[in-house]
Amino acid sequence: MVMSCLFCRILQGDIPSHAVYSDERCYAFSDIHPQAPVHILIIPRRHIDSLDQTTAEDTALLGHLTAMATQIAREQKLANGYRVVVNTGEDGGQTVSHLHLHLLGGRSLNWPPG
């Protein structure tokens, strides 16, 4: 845990969040500034700054995060479709330095997004 990290503080319970899913490897919660009717953040419990900081050793964790995004999308009844986004680095739009997946759905999503 990096105590200056917003998401690590959420994991510690220092900052409240609306939990959607939780297990020993990840935690999912509602985004406080949703960009779609469903906007859920899925974060690993282990602090990793960004996708760019992952290694081959993180393959199982990355697969788990993706599988949980799919499971949560099904639970949220996003059968018409959804988007999973990982912003990486400043130019990629990452605003919190803790790896996280955005699960967005509940409306038609436009392309390109940026």
N, C-alpha and C. Protein backbone atom coordinates (compact mmCIF):
# COMPACT_ATOMS: atom_id res chain seq x y z
N MET A 1 0.84 -1.19 0.00
CA MET A 1 0.00 0.00 0.00
C MET A 1 0.87 1.25 0.00
N VAL A 2 0.44 2.19 -0.78
CA VAL A 2 1.09 3.50 -0.83
C VAL A 2 0.08 4.48 -0.25
N MET A 3 0.32 4.96 0.95
CA MET A 3 -0.69 5.73 1.66
C MET A 3 -0.98 7.09 1.04
N SER A 4 -0.14 7.56 0.14
CA SER A 4 -0.47 8.80 -0.57
C SER A 4 -1.37 8.52 -1.78
N CYS A 5 -1.58 7.24 -2.08
CA CYS A 5 -2.39 6.84 -3.24
C CYS A 5 -3.87 6.82 -2.87
N LEU A 6 -4.68 7.51 -3.66
CA LEU A 6 -6.12 7.59 -3.42
C LEU A 6 -6.75 6.20 -3.34
N PHE A 7 -6.42 5.32 -4.29
CA PHE A 7 -7.05 4.00 -4.31
C PHE A 7 -6.55 3.11 -3.18
N CYS A 8 -5.29 3.24 -2.79
CA CYS A 8 -4.80 2.50 -1.62
C CYS A 8 -5.54 2.95 -0.36
N ARG A 9 -5.83 4.23 -0.27
CA ARG A 9 -6.58 4.74 0.88
C ARG A 9 -8.02 4.22 0.87
N ILE A 10 -8.61 4.07 -0.32
CA ILE A 10 -9.94 3.46 -0.42
C ILE A 10 -9.87 2.02 0.05
N LEU A 11 -8.84 1.27 -0.39
CA LEU A 11 -8.68 -0.12 0.03
C LEU A 11 -8.51 -0.24 1.54
N GLN A 12 -7.84 0.72 2.16
CA GLN A 12 -7.63 0.72 3.61
C GLN A 12 -8.90 1.11 4.38
N GLY A 13 -9.89 1.66 3.68
CA GLY A 13 -11.11 2.11 4.33
C GLY A 13 -11.04 3.53 4.83
N ASP A 14 -9.95 4.24 4.51
CA ASP A 14 -9.80 5.64 4.93
C ASP A 14 -10.72 6.57 4.15
N ILE A 15 -11.07 6.18 2.93
CA ILE A 15 -11.97 6.95 2.08
C ILE A 15 -13.14 6.04 1.73
N PRO A 16 -14.37 6.49 1.95
CA PRO A 16 -15.51 5.62 1.66
C PRO A 16 -15.70 5.39 0.16
N SER A 17 -16.27 4.25 -0.15
CA SER A 17 -16.59 3.92 -1.53
C SER A 17 -17.81 3.01 -1.54
N HIS A 18 -18.45 2.94 -2.70
CA HIS A 18 -19.60 2.05 -2.86
C HIS A 18 -19.09 0.77 -3.52
N ALA A 19 -18.88 -0.26 -2.69
CA ALA A 19 -18.33 -1.52 -3.17
C ALA A 19 -19.31 -2.23 -4.10
N VAL A 20 -18.77 -2.78 -5.19
CA VAL A 20 -19.54 -3.56 -6.14
C VAL A 20 -19.08 -5.02 -6.10
N TYR A 21 -17.78 -5.21 -5.87
CA TYR A 21 -17.19 -6.55 -5.83
C TYR A 21 -15.90 -6.49 -5.02
N SER A 22 -15.58 -7.58 -4.35
CA SER A 22 -14.35 -7.63 -3.59
C SER A 22 -13.89 -9.08 -3.46
N ASP A 23 -12.59 -9.30 -3.64
CA ASP A 23 -11.99 -10.59 -3.34
C ASP A 23 -10.56 -10.35 -2.88
N GLU A 24 -9.78 -11.40 -2.73
CA GLU A 24 -8.43 -11.27 -2.20
C GLU A 24 -7.46 -10.58 -3.16
N ARG A 25 -7.80 -10.50 -4.45
CA ARG A 25 -6.90 -9.89 -5.43
C ARG A 25 -7.35 -8.53 -5.94
N CYS A 26 -8.65 -8.24 -5.87
CA CYS A 26 -9.13 -6.97 -6.43
C CYS A 26 -10.34 -6.45 -5.68
N TYR A 27 -10.65 -5.21 -6.00
CA TYR A 27 -11.79 -4.51 -5.39
C TYR A 27 -12.42 -3.67 -6.50
N ALA A 28 -13.73 -3.66 -6.57
CA ALA A 28 -14.45 -2.87 -7.56
C ALA A 28 -15.44 -1.96 -6.86
N PHE A 29 -15.53 -0.73 -7.34
CA PHE A 29 -16.41 0.25 -6.71
C PHE A 29 -16.91 1.25 -7.75
N SER A 30 -18.00 1.90 -7.43
CA SER A 30 -18.60 2.89 -8.33
C SER A 30 -17.73 4.14 -8.41
N ASP A 31 -17.55 4.63 -9.62
CA ASP A 31 -16.80 5.87 -9.84
C ASP A 31 -17.62 7.04 -9.31
N ILE A 32 -16.97 7.97 -8.62
CA ILE A 32 -17.72 9.11 -8.05
C ILE A 32 -18.02 10.17 -9.09
N HIS A 33 -17.39 10.07 -10.27
CA HIS A 33 -17.68 10.98 -11.39
C HIS A 33 -18.01 10.13 -12.61
N PRO A 34 -19.16 9.47 -12.60
CA PRO A 34 -19.46 8.51 -13.67
C PRO A 34 -19.58 9.17 -15.05
N GLN A 35 -19.03 8.46 -16.04
CA GLN A 35 -19.09 8.91 -17.42
C GLN A 35 -20.14 8.14 -18.22
N ALA A 36 -20.85 7.26 -17.55
CA ALA A 36 -21.93 6.46 -18.14
C ALA A 36 -22.84 6.04 -17.00
N PRO A 37 -24.06 5.57 -17.30
CA PRO A 37 -24.95 5.12 -16.22
C PRO A 37 -24.31 4.08 -15.31
N VAL A 38 -23.50 3.20 -15.88
CA VAL A 38 -22.70 2.26 -15.09
C VAL A 38 -21.24 2.64 -15.32
N HIS A 39 -20.54 2.99 -14.25
CA HIS A 39 -19.11 3.32 -14.33
C HIS A 39 -18.47 2.78 -13.05
N ILE A 40 -17.80 1.66 -13.21
CA ILE A 40 -17.21 0.95 -12.08
C ILE A 40 -15.71 0.86 -12.30
N LEU A 41 -14.96 1.11 -11.24
CA LEU A 41 -13.50 0.98 -11.27
C LEU A 41 -13.12 -0.35 -10.63
N ILE A 42 -12.21 -1.06 -11.28
CA ILE A 42 -11.74 -2.35 -10.79
C ILE A 42 -10.24 -2.21 -10.56
N ILE A 43 -9.81 -2.39 -9.31
CA ILE A 43 -8.41 -2.14 -8.97
C ILE A 43 -7.79 -3.37 -8.31
N PRO A 44 -6.50 -3.60 -8.55
CA PRO A 44 -5.83 -4.66 -7.81
C PRO A 44 -5.58 -4.20 -6.38
N ARG A 45 -5.60 -5.13 -5.45
CA ARG A 45 -5.29 -4.79 -4.06
C ARG A 45 -3.82 -4.44 -3.88
N ARG A 46 -2.98 -5.01 -4.71
CA ARG A 46 -1.55 -4.69 -4.68
C ARG A 46 -1.34 -3.42 -5.50
N HIS A 47 -0.61 -2.48 -4.94
CA HIS A 47 -0.36 -1.23 -5.65
C HIS A 47 0.56 -1.47 -6.84
N ILE A 48 0.07 -1.10 -8.00
CA ILE A 48 0.85 -1.06 -9.23
C ILE A 48 0.53 0.29 -9.86
N ASP A 49 1.54 1.08 -10.16
CA ASP A 49 1.29 2.44 -10.65
C ASP A 49 0.43 2.48 -11.89
N SER A 50 0.73 1.64 -12.88
CA SER A 50 -0.01 1.69 -14.14
C SER A 50 0.19 0.39 -14.91
N LEU A 51 -0.53 0.23 -15.98
CA LEU A 51 -0.37 -0.94 -16.84
C LEU A 51 1.06 -1.04 -17.33
N ASP A 52 1.69 0.10 -17.56
CA ASP A 52 3.07 0.14 -18.03
C ASP A 52 4.06 -0.44 -17.01
N GLN A 53 3.66 -0.53 -15.77
CA GLN A 53 4.53 -1.05 -14.72
C GLN A 53 4.35 -2.55 -14.49
N THR A 54 3.46 -3.19 -15.24
CA THR A 54 3.25 -4.62 -15.07
C THR A 54 4.33 -5.41 -15.81
N THR A 55 4.49 -6.66 -15.38
CA THR A 55 5.46 -7.57 -16.00
C THR A 55 4.74 -8.88 -16.31
N ALA A 56 5.47 -9.80 -16.88
CA ALA A 56 4.91 -11.12 -17.17
C ALA A 56 4.40 -11.79 -15.90
N GLU A 57 4.97 -11.47 -14.78
CA GLU A 57 4.53 -12.03 -13.49
C GLU A 57 3.12 -11.57 -13.11
N ASP A 58 2.64 -10.51 -13.74
CA ASP A 58 1.31 -9.97 -13.44
C ASP A 58 0.24 -10.51 -14.39
N THR A 59 0.59 -11.43 -15.26
CA THR A 59 -0.36 -11.95 -16.24
C THR A 59 -1.61 -12.52 -15.59
N ALA A 60 -1.46 -13.32 -14.56
CA ALA A 60 -2.63 -13.91 -13.89
C ALA A 60 -3.50 -12.83 -13.26
N LEU A 61 -2.89 -11.83 -12.65
CA LEU A 61 -3.65 -10.74 -12.04
C LEU A 61 -4.41 -9.97 -13.11
N LEU A 62 -3.76 -9.66 -14.22
CA LEU A 62 -4.43 -8.92 -15.29
C LEU A 62 -5.60 -9.72 -15.87
N GLY A 63 -5.41 -11.03 -16.00
CA GLY A 63 -6.51 -11.89 -16.44
C GLY A 63 -7.65 -11.88 -15.45
N HIS A 64 -7.32 -11.90 -14.17
CA HIS A 64 -8.36 -11.87 -13.13
C HIS A 64 -9.14 -10.56 -13.17
N LEU A 65 -8.44 -9.44 -13.32
CA LEU A 65 -9.13 -8.15 -13.39
C LEU A 65 -10.09 -8.11 -14.57
N THR A 66 -9.66 -8.64 -15.70
CA THR A 66 -10.51 -8.67 -16.89
C THR A 66 -11.71 -9.60 -16.68
N ALA A 67 -11.46 -10.76 -16.09
CA ALA A 67 -12.56 -11.70 -15.82
C ALA A 67 -13.57 -11.09 -14.86
N MET A 68 -13.10 -10.33 -13.87
CA MET A 68 -14.02 -9.70 -12.93
C MET A 68 -14.81 -8.59 -13.63
N ALA A 69 -14.20 -7.88 -14.57
CA ALA A 69 -14.94 -6.88 -15.34
C ALA A 69 -16.09 -7.54 -16.08
N THR A 70 -15.83 -8.70 -16.67
CA THR A 70 -16.88 -9.44 -17.38
C THR A 70 -17.97 -9.89 -16.43
N GLN A 71 -17.58 -10.43 -15.29
CA GLN A 71 -18.56 -10.90 -14.30
C GLN A 71 -19.42 -9.74 -13.81
N ILE A 72 -18.79 -8.63 -13.49
CA ILE A 72 -19.53 -7.46 -13.00
C ILE A 72 -20.46 -6.92 -14.08
N ALA A 73 -20.00 -6.90 -15.33
CA ALA A 73 -20.85 -6.45 -16.44
C ALA A 73 -22.10 -7.32 -16.53
N ARG A 74 -21.96 -8.61 -16.36
CA ARG A 74 -23.12 -9.50 -16.39
C ARG A 74 -24.05 -9.21 -15.21
N GLU A 75 -23.47 -9.02 -14.03
CA GLU A 75 -24.29 -8.70 -12.85
C GLU A 75 -25.01 -7.38 -13.00
N GLN A 76 -24.40 -6.44 -13.72
CA GLN A 76 -25.00 -5.12 -13.95
C GLN A 76 -25.98 -5.14 -15.13
N LYS A 77 -26.15 -6.31 -15.74
CA LYS A 77 -27.09 -6.51 -16.85
C LYS A 77 -26.74 -5.64 -18.05
N LEU A 78 -25.46 -5.66 -18.42
CA LEU A 78 -24.99 -4.88 -19.56
C LEU A 78 -24.93 -5.74 -20.82
N ALA A 79 -25.98 -6.51 -21.05
CA ALA A 79 -26.03 -7.46 -22.17
C ALA A 79 -25.93 -6.77 -23.54
N ASN A 80 -26.34 -5.50 -23.63
CA ASN A 80 -26.27 -4.79 -24.90
C ASN A 80 -24.86 -4.31 -25.22
N GLY A 81 -23.96 -4.44 -24.28
CA GLY A 81 -22.57 -4.07 -24.51
C GLY A 81 -22.02 -3.17 -23.42
N TYR A 82 -20.71 -3.14 -23.38
CA TYR A 82 -19.99 -2.33 -22.40
C TYR A 82 -18.57 -2.11 -22.90
N ARG A 83 -17.86 -1.25 -22.22
CA ARG A 83 -16.47 -0.95 -22.57
C ARG A 83 -15.61 -1.11 -21.33
N VAL A 84 -14.43 -1.69 -21.52
CA VAL A 84 -13.43 -1.77 -20.46
C VAL A 84 -12.23 -0.97 -20.94
N VAL A 85 -11.83 0.02 -20.14
CA VAL A 85 -10.76 0.94 -20.51
C VAL A 85 -9.68 0.94 -19.44
N VAL A 86 -8.42 0.96 -19.90
CA VAL A 86 -7.29 1.14 -18.99
C VAL A 86 -6.50 2.34 -19.51
N ASN A 87 -6.61 3.45 -18.81
CA ASN A 87 -5.82 4.63 -19.15
C ASN A 87 -4.43 4.45 -18.56
N THR A 88 -3.41 4.76 -19.35
CA THR A 88 -2.03 4.55 -18.90
C THR A 88 -1.20 5.80 -19.14
N GLY A 89 -0.67 6.35 -18.08
CA GLY A 89 0.17 7.53 -18.17
C GLY A 89 -0.63 8.81 -18.39
N GLU A 90 0.06 9.92 -18.26
CA GLU A 90 -0.58 11.23 -18.37
C GLU A 90 -1.24 11.43 -19.73
N ASP A 91 -0.54 11.13 -20.81
CA ASP A 91 -1.12 11.31 -22.14
C ASP A 91 -2.26 10.33 -22.40
N GLY A 92 -2.28 9.21 -21.68
CA GLY A 92 -3.35 8.24 -21.82
C GLY A 92 -4.57 8.57 -20.98
N GLY A 93 -4.49 9.65 -20.21
CA GLY A 93 -5.63 10.08 -19.40
C GLY A 93 -5.68 9.49 -18.00
N GLN A 94 -4.60 8.85 -17.56
CA GLN A 94 -4.59 8.28 -16.21
C GLN A 94 -4.42 9.40 -15.19
N THR A 95 -5.38 9.50 -14.25
CA THR A 95 -5.33 10.57 -13.25
C THR A 95 -5.00 10.06 -11.86
N VAL A 96 -5.10 8.77 -11.63
CA VAL A 96 -4.73 8.16 -10.35
C VAL A 96 -3.65 7.13 -10.64
N SER A 97 -2.50 7.26 -9.99
CA SER A 97 -1.38 6.36 -10.23
C SER A 97 -1.55 5.05 -9.46
N HIS A 98 -2.56 4.32 -9.84
CA HIS A 98 -2.83 2.97 -9.32
C HIS A 98 -3.59 2.29 -10.46
N LEU A 99 -3.04 1.20 -10.97
CA LEU A 99 -3.68 0.49 -12.07
C LEU A 99 -5.17 0.31 -11.80
N HIS A 100 -6.00 0.64 -12.79
CA HIS A 100 -7.43 0.43 -12.63
C HIS A 100 -8.10 0.28 -13.99
N LEU A 101 -9.13 -0.53 -14.01
CA LEU A 101 -9.95 -0.73 -15.19
C LEU A 101 -11.24 0.04 -15.00
N HIS A 102 -11.68 0.73 -16.03
CA HIS A 102 -12.99 1.38 -16.04
C HIS A 102 -13.95 0.45 -16.76
N LEU A 103 -15.04 0.11 -16.12
CA LEU A 103 -16.13 -0.63 -16.75
C LEU A 103 -17.25 0.37 -16.99
N LEU A 104 -17.58 0.61 -18.26
CA LEU A 104 -18.58 1.61 -18.63
C LEU A 104 -19.69 0.95 -19.43
N GLY A 105 -20.93 1.30 -19.12
CA GLY A 105 -22.05 0.76 -19.87
C GLY A 105 -23.35 1.42 -19.46
N GLY A 106 -24.43 0.85 -19.98
CA GLY A 106 -25.75 1.38 -19.67
C GLY A 106 -26.26 2.38 -20.68
N ARG A 107 -25.47 2.66 -21.71
CA ARG A 107 -25.88 3.54 -22.81
C ARG A 107 -25.00 3.21 -24.00
N SER A 108 -25.37 3.72 -25.16
CA SER A 108 -24.55 3.55 -26.35
C SER A 108 -23.29 4.39 -26.19
N LEU A 109 -22.13 3.79 -26.41
CA LEU A 109 -20.85 4.48 -26.25
C LEU A 109 -20.29 4.82 -27.63
N ASN A 110 -19.85 6.03 -27.78
CA ASN A 110 -19.34 6.52 -29.07
C ASN A 110 -17.89 6.11 -29.28
N TRP A 111 -17.45 6.14 -30.55
CA TRP A 111 -16.07 5.89 -30.90
C TRP A 111 -15.65 6.89 -31.96
N PRO A 112 -14.50 7.49 -31.92
CA PRO A 112 -13.46 7.27 -30.92
C PRO A 112 -13.77 8.00 -29.62
N PRO A 113 -13.22 7.49 -28.51
CA PRO A 113 -13.56 8.06 -27.21
C PRO A 113 -12.84 9.35 -26.87
N GLY A 114 -11.65 9.60 -27.44
CA GLY A 114 -10.84 10.70 -26.97
C GLY A 114 -10.79 11.91 -27.81
